[in-house]
Amino acid sequence: PISYAVEAFVRKLKDIQLTQKKTVPVKKKLHSLVQEQKSSIS
């Protein structure tokens, strides 16, 4: 049998690690990239 408990644990662990890596808010980072690109194009 498949160990669904282990699979659930692994998925949760990966979600926690992914959340920890996102130290910079996505919106703020995207805004900065957009401004940089607009400046370059201008």
Full PDB file with SEQRES, HELIX, SHEET, SSBOND, CRYST1, ORIGX, SCALE, CONECT and MASTER records, all heavy atoms in Angstrom:
SEQRES   1 A   42  PRO ILE SER TYR ALA VAL GLU ALA PHE VAL ARG LYS LEU          
SEQRES   2 A   42  LYS ASP ILE GLN LEU THR GLN LYS LYS THR VAL PRO VAL          
SEQRES   3 A   42  LYS LYS LYS LEU HIS SER LEU VAL GLN GLU GLN LYS SER          
SEQRES   4 A   42  SER ILE SER                                                  
HELIX    1 AA1 TYR A    4  LYS A   21  1                                  18    
HELIX    2 AA2 VAL A   26  ILE A   41  1                                  16    
CRYST1    1.000    1.000    1.000  90.00  90.00  90.00 P 1           1          
ORIGX1      1.000000  0.000000  0.000000        0.00000                         
ORIGX2      0.000000  1.000000  0.000000        0.00000                         
ORIGX3      0.000000  0.000000  1.000000        0.00000                         
SCALE1      1.000000  0.000000  0.000000        0.00000                         
SCALE2      0.000000  1.000000  0.000000        0.00000                         
SCALE3      0.000000  0.000000  1.000000        0.00000                         
ATOM      1  N   PRO A   1       0.815  -1.221   0.000  1.00  0.00           N  
ATOM      2  CA  PRO A   1       0.000   0.000   0.000  1.00  0.00           C  
ATOM      3  C   PRO A   1       0.850   1.274   0.000  1.00  0.00           C  
ATOM      4  O   PRO A   1       1.940   1.318   0.563  1.00  0.00           O  
ATOM      5  CB  PRO A   1      -0.805  -0.117   1.284  1.00  0.00           C  
ATOM      6  CG  PRO A   1       0.050  -0.941   2.185  1.00  0.00           C  
ATOM      7  CD  PRO A   1       0.732  -1.963   1.301  1.00  0.00           C  
ATOM      8  N   ILE A   2       0.291   2.311  -0.654  1.00  0.00           N  
ATOM      9  CA  ILE A   2       0.953   3.621  -0.665  1.00  0.00           C  
ATOM     10  C   ILE A   2       0.793   4.263   0.702  1.00  0.00           C  
ATOM     11  O   ILE A   2      -0.281   4.222   1.300  1.00  0.00           O  
ATOM     12  CB  ILE A   2       0.335   4.524  -1.747  1.00  0.00           C  
ATOM     13  CG1 ILE A   2       0.581   3.933  -3.146  1.00  0.00           C  
ATOM     14  CG2 ILE A   2       0.892   5.937  -1.676  1.00  0.00           C  
ATOM     15  CD1 ILE A   2      -0.147   4.654  -4.258  1.00  0.00           C  
ATOM     16  N   SER A   3       1.852   4.901   1.182  1.00  0.00           N  
ATOM     17  CA  SER A   3       1.792   5.587   2.470  1.00  0.00           C  
ATOM     18  C   SER A   3       1.337   7.019   2.222  1.00  0.00           C  
ATOM     19  O   SER A   3       2.139   7.932   1.986  1.00  0.00           O  
ATOM     20  CB  SER A   3       3.165   5.568   3.147  1.00  0.00           C  
ATOM     21  OG  SER A   3       3.106   6.259   4.371  1.00  0.00           O  
ATOM     22  N   TYR A   4       0.005   7.213   2.269  1.00  0.00           N  
ATOM     23  CA  TYR A   4      -0.545   8.541   2.002  1.00  0.00           C  
ATOM     24  C   TYR A   4      -0.156   9.544   3.078  1.00  0.00           C  
ATOM     25  O   TYR A   4      -0.044  10.740   2.830  1.00  0.00           O  
ATOM     26  CB  TYR A   4      -2.070   8.456   1.889  1.00  0.00           C  
ATOM     27  CG  TYR A   4      -2.514   7.662   0.674  1.00  0.00           C  
ATOM     28  CD1 TYR A   4      -3.001   6.360   0.810  1.00  0.00           C  
ATOM     29  CD2 TYR A   4      -2.413   8.209  -0.589  1.00  0.00           C  
ATOM     30  CE1 TYR A   4      -3.404   5.630  -0.298  1.00  0.00           C  
ATOM     31  CE2 TYR A   4      -2.813   7.487  -1.709  1.00  0.00           C  
ATOM     32  CZ  TYR A   4      -3.302   6.192  -1.566  1.00  0.00           C  
ATOM     33  OH  TYR A   4      -3.683   5.474  -2.660  1.00  0.00           O  
ATOM     34  N   ALA A   5       0.062   9.034   4.287  1.00  0.00           N  
ATOM     35  CA  ALA A   5       0.465   9.916   5.378  1.00  0.00           C  
ATOM     36  C   ALA A   5       1.837  10.520   5.095  1.00  0.00           C  
ATOM     37  O   ALA A   5       2.073  11.714   5.320  1.00  0.00           O  
ATOM     38  CB  ALA A   5       0.477   9.155   6.700  1.00  0.00           C  
ATOM     39  N   VAL A   6       2.750   9.675   4.588  1.00  0.00           N  
ATOM     40  CA  VAL A   6       4.090  10.182   4.258  1.00  0.00           C  
ATOM     41  C   VAL A   6       3.999  11.180   3.106  1.00  0.00           C  
ATOM     42  O   VAL A   6       4.661  12.220   3.114  1.00  0.00           O  
ATOM     43  CB  VAL A   6       5.036   9.019   3.888  1.00  0.00           C  
ATOM     44  CG1 VAL A   6       6.367   9.550   3.360  1.00  0.00           C  
ATOM     45  CG2 VAL A   6       5.270   8.127   5.096  1.00  0.00           C  
ATOM     46  N   GLU A   7       3.169  10.889   2.094  1.00  0.00           N  
ATOM     47  CA  GLU A   7       3.013  11.812   0.972  1.00  0.00           C  
ATOM     48  C   GLU A   7       2.467  13.155   1.439  1.00  0.00           C  
ATOM     49  O   GLU A   7       2.941  14.215   1.005  1.00  0.00           O  
ATOM     50  CB  GLU A   7       2.080  11.213  -0.077  1.00  0.00           C  
ATOM     51  CG  GLU A   7       2.740  10.140  -0.928  1.00  0.00           C  
ATOM     52  CD  GLU A   7       1.892   9.720  -2.105  1.00  0.00           C  
ATOM     53  OE1 GLU A   7       0.666   9.902  -2.057  1.00  0.00           O  
ATOM     54  OE2 GLU A   7       2.470   9.208  -3.094  1.00  0.00           O  
ATOM     55  N   ALA A   8       1.489  13.122   2.333  1.00  0.00           N  
ATOM     56  CA  ALA A   8       0.925  14.372   2.846  1.00  0.00           C  
ATOM     57  C   ALA A   8       1.973  15.154   3.625  1.00  0.00           C  
ATOM     58  O   ALA A   8       2.056  16.383   3.541  1.00  0.00           O  
ATOM     59  CB  ALA A   8      -0.282  14.067   3.725  1.00  0.00           C  
ATOM     60  N   PHE A   9       2.784  14.424   4.380  1.00  0.00           N  
ATOM     61  CA  PHE A   9       3.845  15.067   5.159  1.00  0.00           C  
ATOM     62  C   PHE A   9       4.860  15.736   4.225  1.00  0.00           C  
ATOM     63  O   PHE A   9       5.305  16.865   4.461  1.00  0.00           O  
ATOM     64  CB  PHE A   9       4.519  14.026   6.057  1.00  0.00           C  
ATOM     65  CG  PHE A   9       5.741  14.553   6.758  1.00  0.00           C  
ATOM     66  CD1 PHE A   9       5.621  15.393   7.860  1.00  0.00           C  
ATOM     67  CD2 PHE A   9       7.029  14.244   6.298  1.00  0.00           C  
ATOM     68  CE1 PHE A   9       6.749  15.882   8.503  1.00  0.00           C  
ATOM     69  CE2 PHE A   9       8.142  14.742   6.940  1.00  0.00           C  
ATOM     70  CZ  PHE A   9       7.999  15.560   8.044  1.00  0.00           C  
ATOM     71  N   VAL A  10       5.234  15.013   3.150  1.00  0.00           N  
ATOM     72  CA  VAL A  10       6.212  15.563   2.213  1.00  0.00           C  
ATOM     73  C   VAL A  10       5.670  16.819   1.537  1.00  0.00           C  
ATOM     74  O   VAL A  10       6.382  17.814   1.394  1.00  0.00           O  
ATOM     75  CB  VAL A  10       6.588  14.492   1.160  1.00  0.00           C  
ATOM     76  CG1 VAL A  10       7.431  15.114   0.040  1.00  0.00           C  
ATOM     77  CG2 VAL A  10       7.358  13.359   1.815  1.00  0.00           C  
ATOM     78  N   ARG A  11       4.393  16.794   1.123  1.00  0.00           N  
ATOM     79  CA  ARG A  11       3.809  17.973   0.485  1.00  0.00           C  
ATOM     80  C   ARG A  11       3.778  19.162   1.429  1.00  0.00           C  
ATOM     81  O   ARG A  11       4.092  20.294   1.045  1.00  0.00           O  
ATOM     82  CB  ARG A  11       2.381  17.651   0.011  1.00  0.00           C  
ATOM     83  CG  ARG A  11       2.339  16.823  -1.270  1.00  0.00           C  
ATOM     84  CD  ARG A  11       0.950  16.862  -1.885  1.00  0.00           C  
ATOM     85  NE  ARG A  11      -0.017  16.215  -1.018  1.00  0.00           N  
ATOM     86  CZ  ARG A  11      -0.325  14.908  -1.054  1.00  0.00           C  
ATOM     87  NH1 ARG A  11       0.284  14.118  -1.920  1.00  0.00           N  
ATOM     88  NH2 ARG A  11      -1.230  14.406  -0.231  1.00  0.00           N  
ATOM     89  N   LYS A  12       3.410  18.938   2.668  1.00  0.00           N  
ATOM     90  CA  LYS A  12       3.364  20.020   3.643  1.00  0.00           C  
ATOM     91  C   LYS A  12       4.740  20.593   3.900  1.00  0.00           C  
ATOM     92  O   LYS A  12       4.934  21.806   4.002  1.00  0.00           O  
ATOM     93  CB  LYS A  12       2.741  19.518   4.944  1.00  0.00           C  
ATOM     94  CG  LYS A  12       2.458  20.647   5.945  1.00  0.00           C  
ATOM     95  CD  LYS A  12       1.635  20.145   7.104  1.00  0.00           C  
ATOM     96  CE  LYS A  12       1.285  21.259   8.071  1.00  0.00           C  
ATOM     97  NZ  LYS A  12       0.462  22.309   7.454  1.00  0.00           N  
ATOM     98  N   LEU A  13       5.729  19.689   3.977  1.00  0.00           N  
ATOM     99  CA  LEU A  13       7.104  20.125   4.217  1.00  0.00           C  
ATOM    100  C   LEU A  13       7.609  20.997   3.071  1.00  0.00           C  
ATOM    101  O   LEU A  13       8.267  22.024   3.288  1.00  0.00           O  
ATOM    102  CB  LEU A  13       8.009  18.902   4.396  1.00  0.00           C  
ATOM    103  CG  LEU A  13       9.482  19.185   4.732  1.00  0.00           C  
ATOM    104  CD1 LEU A  13       9.607  19.923   6.071  1.00  0.00           C  
ATOM    105  CD2 LEU A  13      10.282  17.873   4.796  1.00  0.00           C  
ATOM    106  N   LYS A  14       7.288  20.608   1.838  1.00  0.00           N  
ATOM    107  CA  LYS A  14       7.720  21.384   0.668  1.00  0.00           C  
ATOM    108  C   LYS A  14       7.034  22.753   0.641  1.00  0.00           C  
ATOM    109  O   LYS A  14       7.654  23.758   0.268  1.00  0.00           O  
ATOM    110  CB  LYS A  14       7.423  20.627  -0.617  1.00  0.00           C  
ATOM    111  CG  LYS A  14       8.350  19.433  -0.833  1.00  0.00           C  
ATOM    112  CD  LYS A  14       8.050  18.732  -2.148  1.00  0.00           C  
ATOM    113  CE  LYS A  14       9.027  17.573  -2.375  1.00  0.00           C  
ATOM    114  NZ  LYS A  14       8.763  16.870  -3.654  1.00  0.00           N  
ATOM    115  N   ASP A  15       5.758  22.794   1.014  1.00  0.00           N  
ATOM    116  CA  ASP A  15       5.045  24.073   1.064  1.00  0.00           C  
ATOM    117  C   ASP A  15       5.686  25.022   2.064  1.00  0.00           C  
ATOM    118  O   ASP A  15       5.809  26.229   1.815  1.00  0.00           O  
ATOM    119  CB  ASP A  15       3.578  23.842   1.425  1.00  0.00           C  
ATOM    120  CG  ASP A  15       2.807  23.181   0.287  1.00  0.00           C  
ATOM    121  OD1 ASP A  15       3.291  23.251  -0.864  1.00  0.00           O  
ATOM    122  OD2 ASP A  15       1.734  22.598   0.550  1.00  0.00           O  
ATOM    123  N   ILE A  16       6.076  24.476   3.226  1.00  0.00           N  
ATOM    124  CA  ILE A  16       6.726  25.298   4.262  1.00  0.00           C  
ATOM    125  C   ILE A  16       8.047  25.849   3.758  1.00  0.00           C  
ATOM    126  O   ILE A  16       8.368  27.033   3.933  1.00  0.00           O  
ATOM    127  CB  ILE A  16       6.931  24.476   5.545  1.00  0.00           C  
ATOM    128  CG1 ILE A  16       5.571  24.128   6.166  1.00  0.00           C  
ATOM    129  CG2 ILE A  16       7.795  25.236   6.542  1.00  0.00           C  
ATOM    130  CD1 ILE A  16       5.662  23.170   7.351  1.00  0.00           C  
ATOM    131  N   GLN A  17       8.844  25.001   3.085  1.00  0.00           N  
ATOM    132  CA  GLN A  17      10.150  25.432   2.570  1.00  0.00           C  
ATOM    133  C   GLN A  17       9.980  26.506   1.496  1.00  0.00           C  
ATOM    134  O   GLN A  17      10.747  27.469   1.447  1.00  0.00           O  
ATOM    135  CB  GLN A  17      10.900  24.224   1.997  1.00  0.00           C  
ATOM    136  CG  GLN A  17      11.340  23.221   3.057  1.00  0.00           C  
ATOM    137  CD  GLN A  17      11.951  21.970   2.453  1.00  0.00           C  
ATOM    138  OE1 GLN A  17      11.819  21.719   1.253  1.00  0.00           O  
ATOM    139  NE2 GLN A  17      12.613  21.168   3.281  1.00  0.00           N  
ATOM    140  N   LEU A  18       8.969  26.340   0.631  1.00  0.00           N  
ATOM    141  CA  LEU A  18       8.730  27.313  -0.427  1.00  0.00           C  
ATOM    142  C   LEU A  18       8.322  28.665   0.144  1.00  0.00           C  
ATOM    143  O   LEU A  18       8.758  29.719  -0.314  1.00  0.00           O  
ATOM    144  CB  LEU A  18       7.646  26.776  -1.371  1.00  0.00           C  
ATOM    145  CG  LEU A  18       7.339  27.643  -2.596  1.00  0.00           C  
ATOM    146  CD1 LEU A  18       8.575  27.786  -3.469  1.00  0.00           C  
ATOM    147  CD2 LEU A  18       6.184  27.044  -3.392  1.00  0.00           C  
ATOM    148  N   THR A  19       7.489  28.626   1.201  1.00  0.00           N  
ATOM    149  CA  THR A  19       7.045  29.872   1.839  1.00  0.00           C  
ATOM    150  C   THR A  19       8.202  30.605   2.486  1.00  0.00           C  
ATOM    151  O   THR A  19       8.299  31.835   2.456  1.00  0.00           O  
ATOM    152  CB  THR A  19       5.965  29.565   2.877  1.00  0.00           C  
ATOM    153  OG1 THR A  19       4.874  28.900   2.241  1.00  0.00           O  
ATOM    154  CG2 THR A  19       5.452  30.846   3.524  1.00  0.00           C  
ATOM    155  N   GLN A  20       9.115  29.856   3.074  1.00  0.00           N  
ATOM    156  CA  GLN A  20      10.268  30.463   3.753  1.00  0.00           C  
ATOM    157  C   GLN A  20      11.212  31.149   2.764  1.00  0.00           C  
ATOM    158  O   GLN A  20      11.867  32.138   3.094  1.00  0.00           O  
ATOM    159  CB  GLN A  20      11.022  29.395   4.546  1.00  0.00           C  
ATOM    160  CG  GLN A  20      10.243  28.887   5.769  1.00  0.00           C  
ATOM    161  CD  GLN A  20      10.973  27.750   6.485  1.00  0.00           C  
ATOM    162  OE1 GLN A  20      11.887  27.151   5.935  1.00  0.00           O  
ATOM    163  NE2 GLN A  20      10.545  27.457   7.714  1.00  0.00           N  
ATOM    164  N   LYS A  21      11.289  30.625   1.526  1.00  0.00           N  
ATOM    165  CA  LYS A  21      12.202  31.197   0.537  1.00  0.00           C  
ATOM    166  C   LYS A  21      11.688  32.530  -0.002  1.00  0.00           C  
ATOM    167  O   LYS A  21      12.463  33.349  -0.505  1.00  0.00           O  
ATOM    168  CB  LYS A  21      12.393  30.216  -0.615  1.00  0.00           C  
ATOM    169  CG  LYS A  21      13.207  28.983  -0.229  1.00  0.00           C  
ATOM    170  CD  LYS A  21      13.360  28.059  -1.423  1.00  0.00           C  
ATOM    171  CE  LYS A  21      14.182  26.825  -1.042  1.00  0.00           C  
ATOM    172  NZ  LYS A  21      14.339  25.904  -2.186  1.00  0.00           N  
ATOM    173  N   LYS A  22      10.404  32.747   0.068  1.00  0.00           N  
ATOM    174  CA  LYS A  22       9.827  33.990  -0.460  1.00  0.00           C  
ATOM    175  C   LYS A  22       9.958  35.112   0.564  1.00  0.00           C  
ATOM    176  O   LYS A  22       9.005  35.465   1.256  1.00  0.00           O  
ATOM    177  CB  LYS A  22       8.367  33.779  -0.830  1.00  0.00           C  
ATOM    178  CG  LYS A  22       8.180  32.811  -1.991  1.00  0.00           C  
ATOM    179  CD  LYS A  22       6.715  32.641  -2.334  1.00  0.00           C  
ATOM    180  CE  LYS A  22       6.528  31.705  -3.508  1.00  0.00           C  
ATOM    181  NZ  LYS A  22       5.112  31.515  -3.858  1.00  0.00           N  
ATOM    182  N   THR A  23      11.161  35.621   0.677  1.00  0.00           N  
ATOM    183  CA  THR A  23      11.414  36.684   1.657  1.00  0.00           C  
ATOM    184  C   THR A  23      10.940  38.049   1.164  1.00  0.00           C  
ATOM    185  O   THR A  23      10.708  38.958   1.948  1.00  0.00           O  
ATOM    186  CB  THR A  23      12.921  36.753   1.965  1.00  0.00           C  
ATOM    187  OG1 THR A  23      13.626  36.951   0.745  1.00  0.00           O  
ATOM    188  CG2 THR A  23      13.398  35.461   2.603  1.00  0.00           C  
ATOM    189  N   VAL A  24      10.861  38.208  -0.171  1.00  0.00           N  
ATOM    190  CA  VAL A  24      10.429  39.489  -0.742  1.00  0.00           C  
ATOM    191  C   VAL A  24       9.000  39.324  -1.242  1.00  0.00           C  
ATOM    192  O   VAL A  24       8.705  38.403  -1.996  1.00  0.00           O  
ATOM    193  CB  VAL A  24      11.340  39.908  -1.903  1.00  0.00           C  
ATOM    194  CG1 VAL A  24      10.861  41.225  -2.505  1.00  0.00           C  
ATOM    195  CG2 VAL A  24      12.777  40.014  -1.418  1.00  0.00           C  
ATOM    196  N   PRO A  25       8.089  40.163  -0.866  1.00  0.00           N  
ATOM    197  CA  PRO A  25       6.710  40.066  -1.347  1.00  0.00           C  
ATOM    198  C   PRO A  25       6.666  40.070  -2.869  1.00  0.00           C  
ATOM    199  O   PRO A  25       7.373  40.837  -3.527  1.00  0.00           O  
ATOM    200  CB  PRO A  25       6.040  41.312  -0.763  1.00  0.00           C  
ATOM    201  CG  PRO A  25       6.885  41.679   0.403  1.00  0.00           C  
ATOM    202  CD  PRO A  25       8.288  41.289   0.050  1.00  0.00           C  
ATOM    203  N   VAL A  26       5.817  39.226  -3.430  1.00  0.00           N  
ATOM    204  CA  VAL A  26       5.752  39.080  -4.875  1.00  0.00           C  
ATOM    205  C   VAL A  26       5.354  40.381  -5.558  1.00  0.00           C  
ATOM    206  O   VAL A  26       5.960  40.805  -6.542  1.00  0.00           O  
ATOM    207  CB  VAL A  26       4.752  37.962  -5.247  1.00  0.00           C  
ATOM    208  CG1 VAL A  26       4.579  37.880  -6.762  1.00  0.00           C  
ATOM    209  CG2 VAL A  26       5.222  36.635  -4.695  1.00  0.00           C  
ATOM    210  N   LYS A  27       4.343  41.054  -5.032  1.00  0.00           N  
ATOM    211  CA  LYS A  27       3.866  42.279  -5.661  1.00  0.00           C  
ATOM    212  C   LYS A  27       4.946  43.354  -5.711  1.00  0.00           C  
ATOM    213  O   LYS A  27       5.117  44.051  -6.719  1.00  0.00           O  
ATOM    214  CB  LYS A  27       2.643  42.798  -4.918  1.00  0.00           C  
ATOM    215  CG  LYS A  27       1.390  41.947  -5.133  1.00  0.00           C  
ATOM    216  CD  LYS A  27       0.189  42.599  -4.472  1.00  0.00           C  
ATOM    217  CE  LYS A  27      -1.078  41.782  -4.727  1.00  0.00           C  
ATOM    218  NZ  LYS A  27      -2.257  42.413  -4.105  1.00  0.00           N  
ATOM    219  N   LYS A  28       5.673  43.455  -4.600  1.00  0.00           N  
ATOM    220  CA  LYS A  28       6.729  44.469  -4.542  1.00  0.00           C  
ATOM    221  C   LYS A  28       7.829  44.159  -5.543  1.00  0.00           C  
ATOM    222  O   LYS A  28       8.343  45.055  -6.237  1.00  0.00           O  
ATOM    223  CB  LYS A  28       7.297  44.530  -3.123  1.00  0.00           C  
ATOM    224  CG  LYS A  28       8.330  45.631  -2.942  1.00  0.00           C  
ATOM    225  CD  LYS A  28       8.784  45.693  -1.492  1.00  0.00           C  
ATOM    226  CE  LYS A  28       9.827  46.794  -1.291  1.00  0.00           C  
ATOM    227  NZ  LYS A  28      10.290  46.872   0.106  1.00  0.00           N  
ATOM    228  N   LYS A  29       8.188  42.898  -5.653  1.00  0.00           N  
ATOM    229  CA  LYS A  29       9.244  42.503  -6.578  1.00  0.00           C  
ATOM    230  C   LYS A  29       8.809  42.723  -8.020  1.00  0.00           C  
ATOM    231  O   LYS A  29       9.576  43.234  -8.855  1.00  0.00           O  
ATOM    232  CB  LYS A  29       9.590  41.034  -6.363  1.00  0.00           C  
ATOM    233  CG  LYS A  29      10.788  40.565  -7.181  1.00  0.00           C  
ATOM    234  CD  LYS A  29      11.169  39.145  -6.825  1.00  0.00           C  
ATOM    235  CE  LYS A  29      12.399  38.713  -7.611  1.00  0.00           C  
ATOM    236  NZ  LYS A  29      12.800  37.326  -7.269  1.00  0.00           N  
ATOM    237  N   LEU A  30       7.566  42.351  -8.338  1.00  0.00           N  
ATOM    238  CA  LEU A  30       7.053  42.555  -9.686  1.00  0.00           C  
ATOM    239  C   LEU A  30       6.991  44.041 -10.039  1.00  0.00           C  
ATOM    240  O   LEU A  30       7.309  44.437 -11.163  1.00  0.00           O  
ATOM    241  CB  LEU A  30       5.659  41.925  -9.816  1.00  0.00           C  
ATOM    242  CG  LEU A  30       5.610  40.400  -9.868  1.00  0.00           C  
ATOM    243  CD1 LEU A  30       4.164  39.916  -9.914  1.00  0.00           C  
ATOM    244  CD2 LEU A  30       6.386  39.873 -11.066  1.00  0.00           C  
ATOM    245  N   HIS A  31       6.563  44.856  -9.087  1.00  0.00           N  
ATOM    246  CA  HIS A  31       6.500  46.297  -9.318  1.00  0.00           C  
ATOM    247  C   HIS A  31       7.888  46.856  -9.638  1.00  0.00           C  
ATOM    248  O   HIS A  31       8.049  47.679 -10.551  1.00  0.00           O  
ATOM    249  CB  HIS A  31       5.926  46.994  -8.086  1.00  0.00           C  
ATOM    250  CG  HIS A  31       5.855  48.490  -8.231  1.00  0.00           C  
ATOM    251  ND1 HIS A  31       4.913  49.122  -9.039  1.00  0.00           N  
ATOM    252  CD2 HIS A  31       6.624  49.479  -7.687  1.00  0.00           C  
ATOM    253  CE1 HIS A  31       5.116  50.425  -8.986  1.00  0.00           C  
ATOM    254  NE2 HIS A  31       6.133  50.667  -8.174  1.00  0.00           N  
ATOM    255  N   SER A  32       8.884  46.370  -8.894  1.00  0.00           N  
ATOM    256  CA  SER A  32      10.255  46.832  -9.136  1.00  0.00           C  
ATOM    257  C   SER A  32      10.734  46.409 -10.521  1.00  0.00           C  
ATOM    258  O   SER A  32      11.363  47.192 -11.245  1.00  0.00           O  
ATOM    259  CB  SER A  32      11.186  46.255  -8.062  1.00  0.00           C  
ATOM    260  OG  SER A  32      12.523  46.607  -8.324  1.00  0.00           O  
ATOM    261  N   LEU A  33      10.414  45.168 -10.938  1.00  0.00           N  
ATOM    262  CA  LEU A  33      10.810  44.686 -12.260  1.00  0.00           C  
ATOM    263  C   LEU A  33      10.131  45.488 -13.365  1.00  0.00           C  
ATOM    264  O   LEU A  33      10.757  45.823 -14.380  1.00  0.00           O  
ATOM    265  CB  LEU A  33      10.462  43.198 -12.398  1.00  0.00           C  
ATOM    266  CG  LEU A  33      11.305  42.221 -11.572  1.00  0.00           C  
ATOM    267  CD1 LEU A  33      10.746  40.808 -11.691  1.00  0.00           C  
ATOM    268  CD2 LEU A  33      12.761  42.255 -12.018  1.00  0.00           C  
ATOM    269  N   VAL A  34       8.843  45.792 -13.161  1.00  0.00           N  
ATOM    270  CA  VAL A  34       8.101  46.555 -14.154  1.00  0.00           C  
ATOM    271  C   VAL A  34       8.704  47.952 -14.324  1.00  0.00           C  
ATOM    272  O   VAL A  34       8.891  48.444 -15.440  1.00  0.00           O  
ATOM    273  CB  VAL A  34       6.610  46.652 -13.769  1.00  0.00           C  
ATOM    274  CG1 VAL A  34       5.903  47.686 -14.639  1.00  0.00           C  
ATOM    275  CG2 VAL A  34       5.939  45.298 -13.924  1.00  0.00           C  
ATOM    276  N   GLN A  35       9.015  48.603 -13.203  1.00  0.00           N  
ATOM    277  CA  GLN A  35       9.589  49.949 -13.259  1.00  0.00           C  
ATOM    278  C   GLN A  35      10.953  49.939 -13.948  1.00  0.00           C  
ATOM    279  O   GLN A  35      11.276  50.830 -14.750  1.00  0.00           O  
ATOM    280  CB  GLN A  35       9.716  50.525 -11.840  1.00  0.00           C  
ATOM    281  CG  GLN A  35       8.391  50.807 -11.165  1.00  0.00           C  
ATOM    282  CD  GLN A  35       7.550  51.788 -11.955  1.00  0.00           C  
ATOM    283  OE1 GLN A  35       8.051  52.792 -12.466  1.00  0.00           O  
ATOM    284  NE2 GLN A  35       6.253  51.504 -12.079  1.00  0.00           N  
ATOM    285  N   GLU A  36      11.730  48.923 -13.648  1.00  0.00           N  
ATOM    286  CA  GLU A  36      13.059  48.813 -14.256  1.00  0.00           C  
ATOM    287  C   GLU A  36      12.934  48.617 -15.768  1.00  0.00           C  
ATOM    288  O   GLU A  36      13.674  49.222 -16.551  1.00  0.00           O  
ATOM    289  CB  GLU A  36      13.806  47.631 -13.632  1.00  0.00           C  
ATOM    290  CG  GLU A  36      15.219  47.450 -14.158  1.00  0.00           C  
ATOM    291  CD  GLU A  36      15.938  46.286 -13.504  1.00  0.00           C  
ATOM    292  OE1 GLU A  36      15.441  45.787 -12.466  1.00  0.00           O  
ATOM    293  OE2 GLU A  36      16.989  45.873 -14.032  1.00  0.00           O  
ATOM    294  N   GLN A  37      11.978  47.768 -16.174  1.00  0.00           N  
ATOM    295  CA  GLN A  37      11.782  47.516 -17.594  1.00  0.00           C  
ATOM    296  C   GLN A  37      11.276  48.765 -18.317  1.00  0.00           C  
ATOM    297  O   GLN A  37      11.701  49.080 -19.433  1.00  0.00           O  
ATOM    298  CB  GLN A  37      10.795  46.366 -17.793  1.00  0.00           C  
ATOM    299  CG  GLN A  37      10.707  45.835 -19.217  1.00  0.00           C  
ATOM    300  CD  GLN A  37      12.004  45.177 -19.656  1.00  0.00           C  
ATOM    301  OE1 GLN A  37      12.740  44.653 -18.827  1.00  0.00           O  
ATOM    302  NE2 GLN A  37      12.304  45.232 -20.944  1.00  0.00           N  
ATOM    303  N   LYS A  38      10.354  49.506 -17.693  1.00  0.00           N  
ATOM    304  CA  LYS A  38       9.830  50.723 -18.289  1.00  0.00           C  
ATOM    305  C   LYS A  38      10.931  51.758 -18.475  1.00  0.00           C  
ATOM    306  O   LYS A  38      10.996  52.443 -19.505  1.00  0.00           O  
ATOM    307  CB  LYS A  38       8.705  51.287 -17.405  1.00  0.00           C  
ATOM    308  CG  LYS A  38       7.413  50.486 -17.470  1.00  0.00           C  
ATOM    309  CD  LYS A  38       6.384  50.979 -16.458  1.00  0.00           C  
ATOM    310  CE  LYS A  38       5.918  52.381 -16.757  1.00  0.00           C  
ATOM    311  NZ  LYS A  38       4.871  52.823 -15.823  1.00  0.00           N  
ATOM    312  N   SER A  39      11.804  51.859 -17.484  1.00  0.00           N  
ATOM    313  CA  SER A  39      12.917  52.803 -17.581  1.00  0.00           C  
ATOM    314  C   SER A  39      13.852  52.432 -18.726  1.00  0.00           C  
ATOM    315  O   SER A  39      14.314  53.294 -19.477  1.00  0.00           O  
ATOM    316  CB  SER A  39      13.679  52.831 -16.256  1.00  0.00           C  
ATOM    317  OG  SER A  39      14.820  53.652 -16.340  1.00  0.00           O  
ATOM    318  N   SER A  40      14.116  51.113 -18.850  1.00  0.00           N  
ATOM    319  CA  SER A  40      14.998  50.651 -19.920  1.00  0.00           C  
ATOM    320  C   SER A  40      14.392  50.937 -21.288  1.00  0.00           C  
ATOM    321  O   SER A  40      15.077  51.403 -22.206  1.00  0.00           O  
ATOM    322  CB  SER A  40      15.255  49.144 -19.756  1.00  0.00           C  
ATOM    323  OG  SER A  40      16.031  48.651 -20.821  1.00  0.00           O  
ATOM    324  N   ILE A  41      13.079  50.680 -21.433  1.00  0.00           N  
ATOM    325  CA  ILE A  41      12.405  50.908 -22.711  1.00  0.00           C  
ATOM    326  C   ILE A  41      12.382  52.395 -23.060  1.00  0.00           C  
ATOM    327  O   ILE A  41      12.622  52.794 -24.204  1.00  0.00           O  
ATOM    328  CB  ILE A  41      10.972  50.341 -22.663  1.00  0.00           C  
ATOM    329  CG1 ILE A  41      11.019  48.808 -22.608  1.00  0.00           C  
ATOM    330  CG2 ILE A  41      10.162  50.805 -23.874  1.00  0.00           C  
ATOM    331  CD1 ILE A  41       9.674  48.154 -22.417  1.00  0.00           C  
ATOM    332  N   SER A  42      12.102  53.246 -22.062  1.00  0.00           N  
ATOM    333  CA  SER A  42      12.083  54.692 -22.304  1.00  0.00           C  
ATOM    334  C   SER A  42      13.445  55.185 -22.771  1.00  0.00           C  
ATOM    335  O   SER A  42      13.548  56.031 -23.674  1.00  0.00           O  
ATOM    336  CB  SER A  42      11.681  55.427 -21.022  1.00  0.00           C  
ATOM    337  OG  SER A  42      10.361  55.089 -20.634  1.00  0.00           O  
TER     338      SER A  42                                                      
MASTER        0    0    0    2    0    0    0    6  337    1    0    4          
END                                                                             
